């Protein structure tokens, strides 16, 4: 679901490009539209003309996108397969199987997005008056007025999205709707912020003696119909990058901290997972005693994992035999007040549940859970809720003594924790494990450090595909800035020709263009940071919690924010290199030639 949301975010950024392109086509043909209006063409016919163009371009672009998306899916399939193998169960790699319904949805989204993005430029074409068709000032005046309207609409939309996110709902769809409302609201605010910042910078006394810098700043404000949309597209892409980066870093830091707390033993013994299955062959308590008797082993703990079917579905159970050091690994988010927690857990019918279980089932400390025991249904009291990232389904944990009382026929063990002291002989332990292998089982001894490293490696591989989608969103935004700068170049050809005729140097002209792009990138990057932080908070506190039921500590990494701003500025500067070079070579006579 998160990947699907990222794909829709990329489509949203693409919609800004479509809008920019259609607006550019309308502006370039304002003279033609003015002549057509003078000859009697109606507003409705002009609107229809532009919408039909948007439809044709949308169909062509979407068809190319479907082909490229299918090729991209074939490349990404290996990453997804590896994630499923890491987190859930072995999955054989197979060929890509295109889904006709999915392709149809993509076609509708692509073409529909093109029409929606082309609607505003189409209405703009319909409003062209013959006498104002040759005036760009009228267009920019409307752009400034539209930016103020968009600012108000953006604030209202962002506030409404925030209210949707604050509603006490568990719906993931509602969470994504609120998230998109906030992002779109921020995008609508960007043109007005761009214009306001450009005006503010234009009043700085330092710029008075630097005409090229002053022209660059004023050029951003004067071409708001282009620069505003480009800044909005770049802002959305960078905010997505910053938000996901903060979320991933926060998640990784929380998982790493949890692993360091929960994995208290020095070594862990388990059976190798057989091919095509999810678990290995269970061990027995004789093996536990053999492990405990190894020289240098000061304590052991062990666990039994199983799934019980209840009237409300399956429940994952973990029966622990813990020692005091192992008990320190439980980080409680909520606990029953006044209870002797571990005494009731070890000797009574008290249980702990994980954070994700409590979220999915609405459980709080003190509630009762009914499970089908050997002698009939048994009731267990929830003593506490603890943090656990091991299962998004959630888990009920009880002591092994409690488990043995209610399920006396099961003596199996699935994992053994080994606590080593001075003089621990690892080779002696490995040799005893080798002697205990048999009956279809193969025992494994893994160090605490190896489990942490392997777990974090799985985590990093899981989010590789997220990084790919972040990169794609950045590329789309780069194209958006590039197309906007080319549009500005063509629209301002006559103006630049006048500047060349007045003696401005090619280097100064390049400086003007690159100054404009740097300002657009700075505005987009600067605004993207707070929007990205909001996006990260929503992803952590709403999307991830509603998806998996667990929370995490938010880590505001300055490196992620700085890299986001840097990405926006660098992308804008790179996008401006070609337009700057082309503008600097413009010939005054060619630029000033008119019909």
Protein backbone atom coordinates (compact mmCIF):
# COMPACT_ATOMS: atom_id res chain seq x y z
CA UNK A 1 0.00 0.00 0.00
CA UNK A 2 2.87 2.37 0.77
CA UNK A 3 4.41 1.63 -2.63
CA UNK A 4 1.08 2.35 -4.29
CA UNK A 5 0.85 5.67 -2.46
CA UNK A 6 4.36 6.58 -3.61
CA UNK A 7 3.36 5.78 -7.17
CA UNK A 8 0.35 8.09 -6.86
CA UNK A 9 2.67 10.77 -5.45
CA UNK A 10 4.85 10.44 -8.56
CA UNK A 11 1.69 10.77 -10.67
CA UNK A 12 0.81 13.94 -8.74
CA UNK A 13 4.22 15.41 -9.55
CA UNK A 14 3.68 14.39 -13.18
CA UNK A 15 0.37 16.26 -13.20
CA UNK A 16 2.27 19.48 -12.49
CA UNK A 17 4.39 18.79 -15.57
CA UNK A 18 1.29 18.26 -17.69
CA UNK A 19 -0.21 21.48 -16.39
CA UNK A 20 3.04 23.33 -17.10
CA UNK A 21 3.28 21.94 -20.63
CA UNK A 22 -0.34 22.71 -21.47
CA UNK A 23 -0.04 26.20 -20.01
CA UNK A 24 3.07 26.78 -22.11
CA UNK A 25 1.26 25.66 -25.27
CA UNK A 26 -1.58 28.04 -24.49
CA UNK A 27 0.75 30.97 -23.84
CA UNK A 28 2.75 30.32 -27.00
CA UNK A 29 -0.45 30.42 -29.04
CA UNK A 30 -2.17 33.36 -27.38
CA UNK A 31 -1.70 35.32 -30.61
CA UNK A 32 -3.28 32.48 -32.59
CA UNK A 33 -6.14 32.17 -30.11
CA UNK A 34 -6.71 35.92 -30.28
CA UNK A 35 -6.98 35.76 -34.06
CA UNK A 36 -9.36 32.80 -33.86
CA UNK A 37 -11.54 34.66 -31.36
CA UNK A 38 -11.56 37.70 -33.66
CA UNK A 39 -12.69 35.45 -36.52
CA UNK A 40 -15.62 34.16 -34.48
CA UNK A 41 -14.37 31.00 -32.76
CA UNK A 42 -16.28 30.57 -29.48
CA UNK A 43 -14.78 30.13 -26.04
CA UNK A 44 -16.23 26.62 -25.79
CA UNK A 45 -14.54 25.63 -29.05
CA UNK A 46 -11.16 26.89 -27.82
CA UNK A 47 -11.58 25.03 -24.50
CA UNK A 48 -12.51 21.87 -26.41
CA UNK A 49 -9.48 22.29 -28.68
CA UNK A 50 -7.02 22.44 -25.76
CA UNK A 51 -8.74 19.59 -23.89
CA UNK A 52 -8.60 17.38 -27.00
CA UNK A 53 -4.88 18.13 -27.26
CA UNK A 54 -4.45 17.22 -23.57
CA UNK A 55 -6.41 14.01 -24.20
CA UNK A 56 -4.25 13.02 -27.17
CA UNK A 57 -1.03 13.82 -25.31
CA UNK A 58 -2.35 12.01 -22.23
CA UNK A 59 -3.17 8.87 -24.23
CA UNK A 60 0.21 8.85 -25.97
CA UNK A 61 2.11 9.55 -22.76
CA UNK A 62 0.17 6.96 -20.79
CA UNK A 63 0.73 4.26 -23.43
CA UNK A 64 4.47 4.96 -23.36
CA UNK A 65 4.27 4.99 -19.55
CA UNK A 66 2.54 1.60 -19.49
CA UNK A 67 5.31 0.11 -21.63
CA UNK A 68 8.08 1.68 -19.55
CA UNK A 69 6.30 0.80 -16.33
CA UNK A 70 6.07 -2.83 -17.36
CA UNK A 71 9.81 -2.89 -18.09
CA UNK A 72 10.50 -1.20 -14.75
CA UNK A 73 8.26 -3.72 -12.97
CA UNK A 74 10.29 -6.56 -14.44
CA UNK A 75 13.44 -5.02 -12.95
CA UNK A 76 11.83 -4.32 -9.57
CA UNK A 77 10.27 -7.78 -9.29
CA UNK A 78 13.52 -9.18 -7.91
CA UNK A 79 13.56 -6.58 -5.11
CA UNK A 80 9.97 -7.35 -4.11
CA UNK A 81 10.60 -11.11 -4.22
CA UNK A 82 13.64 -10.69 -1.99
CA UNK A 83 11.59 -8.66 0.51
CA UNK A 84 8.90 -11.37 0.68
CA UNK A 85 11.61 -14.00 1.16
CA UNK A 86 13.18 -11.97 3.98
CA UNK A 87 9.99 -11.12 5.86
CA UNK A 88 7.41 -13.81 5.21
CA UNK A 89 8.11 -17.07 3.38
CA UNK A 90 10.28 -18.48 0.57
CA UNK A 91 9.00 -17.38 -2.82
CA UNK A 92 10.37 -18.70 -6.08
CA UNK A 93 11.21 -16.02 -8.63
CA UNK A 94 8.86 -16.12 -11.60
CA UNK A 95 8.20 -14.11 -14.68
CA UNK A 96 6.21 -10.91 -14.75
CA UNK A 97 2.45 -11.43 -15.06
CA UNK A 98 0.81 -8.18 -16.23
CA UNK A 99 -2.58 -7.52 -14.67
CA UNK A 100 -5.11 -6.26 -17.21
CA UNK A 101 -7.22 -4.55 -14.55
CA UNK A 102 -4.16 -2.80 -13.10
CA UNK A 103 -3.11 -1.60 -16.57
CA UNK A 104 -6.64 -0.33 -17.15
CA UNK A 105 -6.55 1.60 -13.88
CA UNK A 106 -3.19 3.09 -14.84
CA UNK A 107 -4.62 4.09 -18.22
CA UNK A 108 -7.58 5.81 -16.57
CA UNK A 109 -5.32 7.58 -14.03
CA UNK A 110 -2.87 8.72 -16.71
CA UNK A 111 -5.45 9.98 -19.17
CA UNK A 112 -7.71 11.36 -16.44
CA UNK A 113 -4.79 13.14 -14.79
CA UNK A 114 -3.85 14.70 -18.13
CA UNK A 115 -7.39 16.02 -18.64
CA UNK A 116 -7.60 17.41 -15.11
CA UNK A 117 -4.17 19.04 -15.42
CA UNK A 118 -5.11 20.47 -18.82
CA UNK A 119 -8.44 21.89 -17.64
CA UNK A 120 -7.06 25.12 -16.17
CA UNK A 121 -4.95 25.95 -19.27
CA UNK A 122 -7.98 25.14 -21.44
CA UNK A 123 -10.13 27.58 -19.47
CA UNK A 124 -7.32 30.11 -19.79
CA UNK A 125 -7.42 29.68 -23.57
CA UNK A 126 -11.16 30.23 -23.53
CA UNK A 127 -10.73 33.52 -21.66
CA UNK A 128 -8.34 35.00 -24.26
CA UNK A 129 -9.67 38.29 -25.59
CA UNK A 130 -8.51 39.41 -29.05
CA UNK A 131 -7.18 42.76 -27.84
CA UNK A 132 -5.24 41.25 -24.90
CA UNK A 133 -3.91 38.21 -26.76
CA UNK A 134 -0.55 39.90 -27.37
CA UNK A 135 -0.10 41.07 -23.77
CA UNK A 136 1.86 38.81 -21.45
CA UNK A 137 1.30 41.28 -18.63
CA UNK A 138 -2.36 40.29 -18.45
CA UNK A 139 -1.38 36.63 -18.13
CA UNK A 140 1.08 37.27 -15.32
CA UNK A 141 -1.38 39.56 -13.55
CA UNK A 142 -3.90 36.71 -13.55
CA UNK A 143 -1.15 34.34 -12.40
CA UNK A 144 -0.44 36.57 -9.40
CA UNK A 145 -4.13 36.81 -8.61
CA UNK A 146 -4.45 33.05 -9.01
CA UNK A 147 -1.49 32.53 -6.67
CA UNK A 148 -3.30 34.45 -3.92
CA UNK A 149 -6.43 32.37 -4.49
CA UNK A 150 -4.35 29.17 -4.53
CA UNK A 151 -2.68 30.22 -1.27
CA UNK A 152 -6.03 30.54 0.48
CA UNK A 153 -7.27 27.29 -1.05
CA UNK A 154 -4.02 25.54 -0.09
CA UNK A 155 -4.29 26.64 3.54
CA UNK A 156 -7.89 25.45 3.73
CA UNK A 157 -7.05 22.12 2.04
CA UNK A 158 -4.05 21.51 4.31
CA UNK A 159 -6.09 22.31 7.43
CA UNK A 160 -8.90 20.02 6.21
CA UNK A 161 -6.35 17.27 5.57
CA UNK A 162 -4.95 17.72 9.05
CA UNK A 163 -8.43 17.39 10.53
CA UNK A 164 -8.99 14.18 8.54
CA UNK A 165 -5.72 12.80 9.93
CA UNK A 166 -6.70 13.75 13.49
CA UNK A 167 -10.01 11.87 13.31
CA UNK A 168 -9.94 8.75 15.52
CA UNK A 169 -10.16 6.40 12.56
CA UNK A 170 -8.32 3.19 11.74
CA UNK A 171 -8.87 3.47 7.99
CA UNK A 172 -5.65 3.46 5.98
CA UNK A 173 -7.49 4.97 3.00
CA UNK A 174 -8.61 7.93 5.15
CA UNK A 175 -4.99 8.36 6.24
CA UNK A 176 -3.76 8.55 2.66
CA UNK A 177 -6.59 10.94 1.71
CA UNK A 178 -5.58 13.27 4.55
CA UNK A 179 -1.92 12.95 3.55
CA UNK A 180 -2.62 13.87 -0.09
CA UNK A 181 -4.79 16.80 1.00
CA UNK A 182 -1.90 18.18 3.03
CA UNK A 183 0.61 17.68 0.19
CA UNK A 184 -1.66 19.21 -2.47
CA UNK A 185 -2.45 22.09 -0.10
CA UNK A 186 1.26 22.76 0.35
CA UNK A 187 1.75 22.64 -3.42
CA UNK A 188 -0.98 25.25 -3.90
CA UNK A 189 0.78 27.55 -1.42
CA UNK A 190 4.14 27.33 -3.21
CA UNK A 191 3.57 29.87 -6.06
CA UNK A 192 2.50 32.61 -3.63
CA UNK A 193 5.49 31.88 -1.39
CA UNK A 194 7.78 31.96 -4.43
CA UNK A 195 6.41 35.33 -5.50
CA UNK A 196 6.56 36.81 -2.00
CA UNK A 197 10.14 35.67 -1.46
CA UNK A 198 11.23 37.02 -4.85
CA UNK A 199 9.69 40.41 -4.06
CA UNK A 200 11.33 40.44 -0.66
CA UNK A 201 14.76 39.62 -2.05
CA UNK A 202 14.31 42.27 -4.73
CA UNK A 203 14.22 44.95 -2.03
CA UNK A 204 17.60 43.99 -0.55
CA UNK A 205 20.00 46.95 -0.96
CA UNK A 206 22.86 44.60 -1.87
CA UNK A 207 21.18 43.87 -5.21
CA UNK A 208 21.04 47.50 -6.35
CA UNK A 209 24.58 47.49 -7.68
CA UNK A 210 24.24 44.03 -9.23
CA UNK A 211 21.85 44.28 -12.17
CA UNK A 212 22.21 40.61 -13.19
CA UNK A 213 21.24 39.37 -9.72
CA UNK A 214 18.39 41.87 -9.52
CA UNK A 215 17.07 40.82 -12.94
CA UNK A 216 17.25 37.16 -11.85
CA UNK A 217 15.19 37.81 -8.73
CA UNK A 218 12.66 39.94 -10.55
CA UNK A 219 12.50 37.44 -13.37
CA UNK A 220 11.21 34.79 -10.98
CA UNK A 221 8.39 37.09 -9.87
CA UNK A 222 7.69 38.33 -13.40
CA UNK A 223 7.34 34.76 -14.76
CA UNK A 224 5.26 33.39 -11.89
CA UNK A 225 3.00 31.46 -14.27
CA UNK A 226 6.05 29.29 -15.01
CA UNK A 227 8.29 29.51 -11.95
CA UNK A 228 5.43 28.96 -9.48
CA UNK A 229 4.37 25.65 -11.03
CA UNK A 230 7.98 24.48 -11.40
CA UNK A 231 8.69 25.30 -7.74
CA UNK A 232 5.51 23.44 -6.68
CA UNK A 233 6.46 20.29 -8.62
CA UNK A 234 10.00 20.36 -7.26
CA UNK A 235 8.72 21.01 -3.73
CA UNK A 236 6.41 17.96 -3.80
CA UNK A 237 9.20 15.71 -5.05
CA UNK A 238 11.74 16.95 -2.49
CA UNK A 239 9.19 16.88 0.35
CA UNK A 240 8.45 13.25 -0.55
CA UNK A 241 12.17 12.49 -0.45
CA UNK A 242 12.65 14.26 2.90
CA UNK A 243 9.52 12.73 4.46
CA UNK A 244 10.31 9.18 3.44
CA UNK A 245 13.96 9.64 4.40
CA UNK A 246 13.03 10.77 7.92
CA UNK A 247 10.50 7.94 8.23
CA UNK A 248 12.98 5.27 7.09
CA UNK A 249 15.74 6.62 9.35
CA UNK A 250 13.35 6.79 12.31
CA UNK A 251 12.12 3.25 11.64
CA UNK A 252 15.64 1.90 11.27
CA UNK A 253 16.83 3.64 14.43
CA UNK A 254 13.84 2.28 16.38
CA UNK A 255 14.38 -1.25 15.08
CA UNK A 256 18.10 -1.09 15.86
CA UNK A 257 17.38 0.15 19.41
CA UNK A 258 14.73 -2.53 19.90
CA UNK A 259 17.07 -5.29 18.72
CA UNK A 260 19.76 -4.10 21.12
CA UNK A 261 17.25 -4.14 23.99
CA UNK A 262 15.31 -7.30 23.19
CA UNK A 263 18.21 -9.58 22.23
CA UNK A 264 19.74 -10.09 25.67
CA UNK A 265 21.36 -13.50 25.12
CA UNK A 266 24.87 -13.82 23.68
CA UNK A 267 23.97 -16.72 21.37
CA UNK A 268 20.78 -18.26 20.03
CA UNK A 269 20.13 -21.87 19.10
CA UNK A 270 17.42 -22.77 16.60
CA UNK A 271 16.69 -25.30 13.90
CA UNK A 272 17.32 -24.45 10.26
CA UNK A 273 14.17 -23.66 8.30
CA UNK A 274 13.42 -26.41 5.84
CA UNK A 275 12.95 -25.48 2.18
CA UNK A 276 9.34 -24.67 1.36
CA UNK A 277 8.36 -24.23 5.03
CA UNK A 278 8.29 -21.35 7.50
CA UNK A 279 9.64 -23.14 10.59
CA UNK A 280 12.16 -25.78 11.43
CA UNK A 281 11.81 -29.04 13.39
CA UNK A 282 11.21 -28.28 17.08
CA UNK A 283 13.81 -29.04 19.73
CA UNK A 284 13.26 -30.60 23.15
CA UNK A 285 14.13 -29.82 26.77
CA UNK A 286 16.87 -32.42 26.87
CA UNK A 287 18.72 -30.22 24.41
CA UNK A 288 18.10 -27.21 26.67
CA UNK A 289 19.72 -29.08 29.57
CA UNK A 290 22.64 -30.10 27.36
CA UNK A 291 23.20 -26.48 26.34
CA UNK A 292 22.97 -25.30 29.96
CA UNK A 293 25.65 -27.80 31.02
CA UNK A 294 28.27 -26.46 28.59
CA UNK A 295 31.24 -24.92 30.47
CA UNK A 296 30.94 -21.13 30.64
CA UNK A 297 27.14 -21.03 30.09
CA UNK A 298 25.72 -19.12 33.06
CA UNK A 299 22.04 -19.16 32.06
CA UNK A 300 19.64 -20.16 29.31
CA UNK A 301 16.17 -19.09 28.21
CA UNK A 302 13.90 -20.70 25.67
CA UNK A 303 10.68 -20.08 23.76
CA UNK A 304 7.92 -21.98 22.03
CA UNK A 305 6.14 -20.33 19.08
CA UNK A 306 2.77 -21.52 17.81
CA UNK A 307 -0.48 -20.32 16.30
CA UNK A 308 -3.90 -20.98 17.87
CA UNK A 309 -7.19 -20.80 16.01
CA UNK A 310 -9.90 -18.87 17.83
CA UNK A 311 -13.39 -17.77 16.89
CA UNK A 312 -11.93 -14.40 15.89
CA UNK A 313 -9.09 -15.82 13.80
CA UNK A 314 -5.61 -17.14 14.50
CA UNK A 315 -3.48 -15.87 17.38
CA UNK A 316 0.31 -16.00 17.49
CA UNK A 317 1.57 -17.29 20.87
CA UNK A 318 5.05 -17.15 22.37
CA UNK A 319 5.68 -19.19 25.55
CA UNK A 320 8.86 -17.90 27.25
CA UNK A 321 11.04 -19.45 29.93
CA UNK A 322 12.99 -16.36 30.96
CA UNK A 323 15.75 -15.48 33.36
CA UNK A 324 16.20 -12.05 35.01
CA UNK A 325 18.51 -10.83 32.26
CA UNK A 326 16.05 -11.88 29.53
CA UNK A 327 13.25 -10.05 31.35
CA UNK A 328 15.18 -6.79 30.89
CA UNK A 329 14.60 -7.07 27.14
CA UNK A 330 10.89 -6.21 27.41
CA UNK A 331 10.19 -2.48 26.91
CA UNK A 332 6.68 -1.81 28.19
CA UNK A 333 4.55 0.92 26.64
CA UNK A 334 1.69 0.25 29.05
CA UNK A 335 1.47 -1.95 32.14
CA UNK A 336 -1.08 -2.83 34.78
CA UNK A 337 -0.58 -0.43 37.70
CA UNK A 338 0.13 -1.87 41.12
CA UNK A 339 0.74 -5.43 39.89
CA UNK A 340 3.84 -7.49 40.64
CA UNK A 341 4.29 -7.86 36.90
CA UNK A 342 6.83 -10.65 36.55
CA UNK A 343 5.50 -12.70 39.50
CA UNK A 344 2.00 -12.77 38.02
CA UNK A 345 3.47 -13.45 34.58
CA UNK A 346 5.56 -16.39 35.75
CA UNK A 347 3.18 -17.91 38.31
CA UNK A 348 -0.32 -16.80 37.35
CA UNK A 349 -2.41 -16.57 34.19
CA UNK A 350 -1.06 -13.20 33.15
CA UNK A 351 0.18 -12.45 29.62
CA UNK A 352 1.89 -9.66 27.71
CA UNK A 353 0.83 -8.54 24.24
CA UNK A 354 2.84 -6.69 21.62
CA UNK A 355 2.05 -3.14 20.54
CA UNK A 356 0.76 -4.31 17.14
CA UNK A 357 -1.56 -6.88 18.77
CA UNK A 358 -2.97 -4.21 21.10
CA UNK A 359 -3.58 -1.87 18.14
CA UNK A 360 -5.27 -4.46 15.96
CA UNK A 361 -7.53 -5.81 18.71
CA UNK A 362 -8.11 -2.67 20.78
CA UNK A 363 -6.49 -4.26 23.82
CA UNK A 364 -5.38 -2.36 26.93
CA UNK A 365 -3.70 -3.49 30.13
CA UNK A 366 -6.22 -5.24 32.36
CA UNK A 367 -8.28 -6.74 29.53
CA UNK A 368 -8.97 -10.46 29.37
CA UNK A 369 -8.05 -12.70 26.41
CA UNK A 370 -9.81 -16.04 25.89
CA UNK A 371 -7.79 -18.81 24.20
CA UNK A 372 -8.74 -22.44 23.39
CA UNK A 373 -6.68 -24.48 25.88
CA UNK A 374 -6.46 -28.27 26.12
CA UNK A 375 -9.21 -28.44 28.79
CA UNK A 376 -11.41 -25.82 27.13
CA UNK A 377 -11.42 -22.06 26.82
CA UNK A 378 -9.12 -20.31 29.30
CA UNK A 379 -9.02 -16.64 30.24
CA UNK A 380 -5.75 -14.72 30.50
CA UNK A 381 -5.29 -11.24 31.92
CA UNK A 382 -3.22 -8.69 29.96
CA UNK A 383 -0.51 -7.43 32.29
CA UNK A 384 1.30 -5.16 29.88
CA UNK A 385 1.88 -4.07 26.28
CA UNK A 386 5.45 -4.14 25.01
CA UNK A 387 7.28 -2.94 21.89
CA UNK A 388 8.02 -5.54 19.26
CA UNK A 389 8.85 -5.19 15.57
CA UNK A 390 9.04 -8.94 15.00
CA UNK A 391 5.49 -9.40 13.72
CA UNK A 392 2.95 -6.97 12.29
CA UNK A 393 0.17 -9.45 13.19
CA UNK A 394 0.97 -9.11 16.87
CA UNK A 395 1.78 -11.72 19.50
CA UNK A 396 0.56 -12.92 22.89
CA UNK A 397 3.41 -13.81 25.26
CA UNK A 398 3.07 -15.99 28.34
CA UNK A 399 5.41 -17.86 30.64
CA UNK A 400 6.30 -21.44 29.83
CA UNK A 401 4.84 -22.51 33.20
CA UNK A 402 1.48 -20.98 32.23
CA UNK A 403 1.65 -22.63 28.82
CA UNK A 404 2.45 -26.04 30.34
CA UNK A 405 -0.53 -25.80 32.69
CA UNK A 406 -3.00 -25.18 29.87
CA UNK A 407 -1.31 -27.17 27.08
CA UNK A 408 0.43 -30.00 28.97
CA UNK A 409 1.00 -32.25 25.98
CA UNK A 410 3.43 -29.94 24.14
CA UNK A 411 7.02 -30.20 25.38
CA UNK A 412 8.73 -28.75 22.27
CA UNK A 413 11.10 -25.79 22.15
CA UNK A 414 11.70 -23.55 19.12
CA UNK A 415 14.58 -21.35 20.28
CA UNK A 416 17.19 -21.29 23.04
CA UNK A 417 19.02 -18.21 24.34
CA UNK A 418 22.52 -18.83 25.63
CA UNK A 419 24.07 -16.46 28.19
CA UNK A 420 27.83 -16.83 28.25
CA UNK A 421 30.13 -16.10 31.15
CA UNK A 422 33.89 -16.29 31.71
CA UNK A 423 35.45 -19.39 30.21
CA UNK A 424 32.62 -20.02 27.75
CA UNK A 425 33.60 -22.70 25.23
CA UNK A 426 31.84 -22.02 21.94
CA UNK A 427 33.45 -25.01 20.25
CA UNK A 428 32.15 -27.33 23.00
CA UNK A 429 28.64 -25.97 22.45
CA UNK A 430 28.88 -26.41 18.68
CA UNK A 431 30.10 -29.96 19.12
CA UNK A 432 27.15 -30.84 21.41
CA UNK A 433 24.73 -29.28 18.95
CA UNK A 434 26.24 -31.34 16.14
CA UNK A 435 25.77 -34.46 18.24
CA UNK A 436 22.12 -33.57 18.89
CA UNK A 437 21.25 -33.13 15.21
CA UNK A 438 19.05 -35.73 13.64
CA UNK A 439 15.39 -36.62 13.22
CA UNK A 440 15.23 -34.27 10.26
CA UNK A 441 16.62 -31.27 12.07
CA UNK A 442 19.79 -29.25 11.68
CA UNK A 443 20.74 -26.96 14.55
CA UNK A 444 22.15 -23.48 14.10
CA UNK A 445 24.13 -21.34 16.55
CA UNK A 446 23.97 -17.61 15.83
CA UNK A 447 25.63 -14.81 17.80
CA UNK A 448 23.64 -11.82 19.02
CA UNK A 449 25.67 -9.51 16.79
CA UNK A 450 24.97 -11.62 13.69
CA UNK A 451 21.20 -11.45 14.28
CA UNK A 452 21.30 -7.68 14.61
CA UNK A 453 23.39 -7.28 11.46
CA UNK A 454 21.21 -9.68 9.47
CA UNK A 455 18.02 -7.99 10.67
CA UNK A 456 19.25 -4.52 9.68
CA UNK A 457 20.42 -5.90 6.32
CA UNK A 458 16.89 -7.23 5.74
CA UNK A 459 15.53 -3.82 6.74
CA UNK A 460 17.77 -2.02 4.26
CA UNK A 461 16.87 -4.43 1.44
CA UNK A 462 13.17 -3.95 2.21
CA UNK A 463 13.41 -0.20 1.62
CA UNK A 464 15.56 -0.41 -1.51
CA UNK A 465 12.50 -0.21 -3.75
CA UNK A 466 11.35 2.86 -1.82
CA UNK A 467 14.65 4.52 -2.69
CA UNK A 468 14.06 3.70 -6.37
CA UNK A 469 10.65 5.39 -6.30
CA UNK A 470 12.10 8.41 -4.51
CA UNK A 471 14.69 8.70 -7.25
CA UNK A 472 11.98 8.50 -9.92
CA UNK A 473 10.03 11.31 -8.26
CA UNK A 474 13.18 13.43 -8.24
CA UNK A 475 13.79 12.78 -11.95
CA UNK A 476 10.22 13.78 -12.76
CA UNK A 477 10.64 17.01 -10.79
CA UNK A 478 13.93 17.72 -12.60
CA UNK A 479 12.14 17.40 -15.93
CA UNK A 480 9.47 19.77 -14.64
CA UNK A 481 12.00 22.48 -13.78
CA UNK A 482 13.82 21.93 -17.09
CA UNK A 483 10.63 22.29 -19.15
CA UNK A 484 9.60 25.40 -17.18
CA UNK A 485 12.96 27.07 -17.85
CA UNK A 486 12.77 26.28 -21.55
CA UNK A 487 9.27 27.75 -21.61
CA UNK A 488 10.51 30.91 -19.90
CA UNK A 489 13.34 31.15 -22.42
CA UNK A 490 10.99 31.01 -25.40
CA UNK A 491 8.49 33.41 -23.84
CA UNK A 492 11.17 35.97 -22.98
CA UNK A 493 13.12 35.78 -26.23
CA UNK A 494 12.26 39.36 -27.17
CA UNK A 495 13.10 40.67 -23.70
CA UNK A 496 16.46 38.92 -23.72
CA UNK A 497 17.13 40.21 -27.19
CA UNK A 498 16.62 43.75 -25.92
CA UNK A 499 19.08 43.08 -23.07
CA UNK A 500 21.67 41.78 -25.54
CA UNK A 501 21.15 44.83 -27.74
CA UNK A 502 21.69 47.08 -24.69
CA UNK A 503 25.08 45.46 -24.10
CA UNK A 504 24.55 42.76 -21.47
CA UNK A 505 27.29 40.13 -21.68
CA UNK A 506 26.67 36.42 -22.37
CA UNK A 507 28.11 35.55 -18.95
CA UNK A 508 25.71 37.95 -17.26
CA UNK A 509 22.82 36.42 -19.18
CA UNK A 510 23.84 32.96 -18.04
CA UNK A 511 24.06 34.32 -14.50
CA UNK A 512 20.51 35.67 -14.73
CA UNK A 513 19.14 32.30 -15.83
CA UNK A 514 21.12 30.30 -13.26
CA UNK A 515 20.19 32.83 -10.58
CA UNK A 516 16.51 32.29 -11.38
CA UNK A 517 16.90 28.53 -11.22
CA UNK A 518 18.85 28.71 -7.95
CA UNK A 519 16.09 30.86 -6.43
CA UNK A 520 13.36 28.47 -7.62
CA UNK A 521 15.34 25.53 -6.23
CA UNK A 522 15.96 27.32 -2.92
CA UNK A 523 12.28 28.18 -2.49
CA UNK A 524 11.23 24.62 -3.35
CA UNK A 525 13.87 23.07 -1.10
CA UNK A 526 13.27 25.43 1.80
CA UNK A 527 9.51 24.88 1.78
CA UNK A 528 9.96 21.14 1.17
CA UNK A 529 11.74 20.65 4.52
CA UNK A 530 8.79 21.58 6.81
CA UNK A 531 6.37 19.85 4.44
CA UNK A 532 8.63 16.78 4.47
CA UNK A 533 8.74 16.78 8.27
CA UNK A 534 4.92 16.91 8.37
CA UNK A 535 4.85 14.12 5.79
CA UNK A 536 7.21 12.03 7.95
CA UNK A 537 5.09 12.58 11.07
CA UNK A 538 1.98 11.48 9.16
CA UNK A 539 3.78 8.42 7.76
CA UNK A 540 5.01 7.43 11.23
CA UNK A 541 2.05 8.30 13.43
CA UNK A 542 -0.81 7.55 11.02
CA UNK A 543 0.15 5.45 7.99
CA UNK A 544 2.60 3.05 9.64
CA UNK A 545 0.51 2.71 12.78
CA UNK A 546 -2.64 1.95 10.79
CA UNK A 547 -0.70 -0.43 8.54
CA UNK A 548 1.28 -2.36 11.17
CA UNK A 549 0.06 -1.22 14.57
CA UNK A 550 3.44 -0.13 15.91
CA UNK A 551 4.92 3.25 16.69
CA UNK A 552 8.44 4.57 16.56
CA UNK A 553 10.51 7.50 17.81
CA UNK A 554 10.80 10.31 15.26
CA UNK A 555 14.43 11.04 14.35
CA UNK A 556 14.79 14.46 12.71
CA UNK A 557 18.03 13.84 10.86
CA UNK A 558 19.59 17.13 9.77
CA UNK A 559 21.48 15.31 7.02
CA UNK A 560 18.23 14.25 5.34
CA UNK A 561 16.91 17.82 5.43
CA UNK A 562 20.14 19.34 4.13
CA UNK A 563 20.32 16.74 1.36
CA UNK A 564 16.73 17.58 0.38
CA UNK A 565 17.49 21.31 0.04
CA UNK A 566 20.73 20.49 -1.78
CA UNK A 567 18.87 18.15 -4.12
CA UNK A 568 16.37 20.90 -5.01
CA UNK A 569 19.04 23.50 -5.70
CA UNK A 570 21.31 21.13 -7.64
CA UNK A 571 18.39 19.80 -9.70
CA UNK A 572 17.31 23.35 -10.53
CA UNK A 573 20.85 24.44 -11.46
CA UNK A 574 21.41 21.38 -13.64
CA UNK A 575 18.08 21.97 -15.33
CA UNK A 576 19.10 25.56 -16.01
CA UNK A 577 22.45 24.81 -17.67
CA UNK A 578 21.09 24.20 -21.18
CA UNK A 579 18.57 27.10 -21.16
CA UNK A 580 21.32 29.40 -19.81
CA UNK A 581 23.74 28.38 -22.54
CA UNK A 582 21.08 28.75 -25.22
CA UNK A 583 19.93 32.16 -23.98
CA UNK A 584 23.50 33.47 -23.85
CA UNK A 585 23.92 32.66 -27.58
CA UNK A 586 20.76 34.48 -28.64
CA UNK A 587 21.21 37.06 -31.42
CA UNK A 588 19.46 40.43 -30.90
CA UNK A 589 18.32 40.70 -34.52
CA UNK A 590 16.73 37.26 -34.46
CA UNK A 591 15.14 37.83 -31.07
CA UNK A 592 13.65 41.19 -32.05
CA UNK A 593 12.33 40.12 -35.44
CA UNK A 594 8.52 40.33 -35.70
CA UNK A 595 6.06 39.63 -38.43
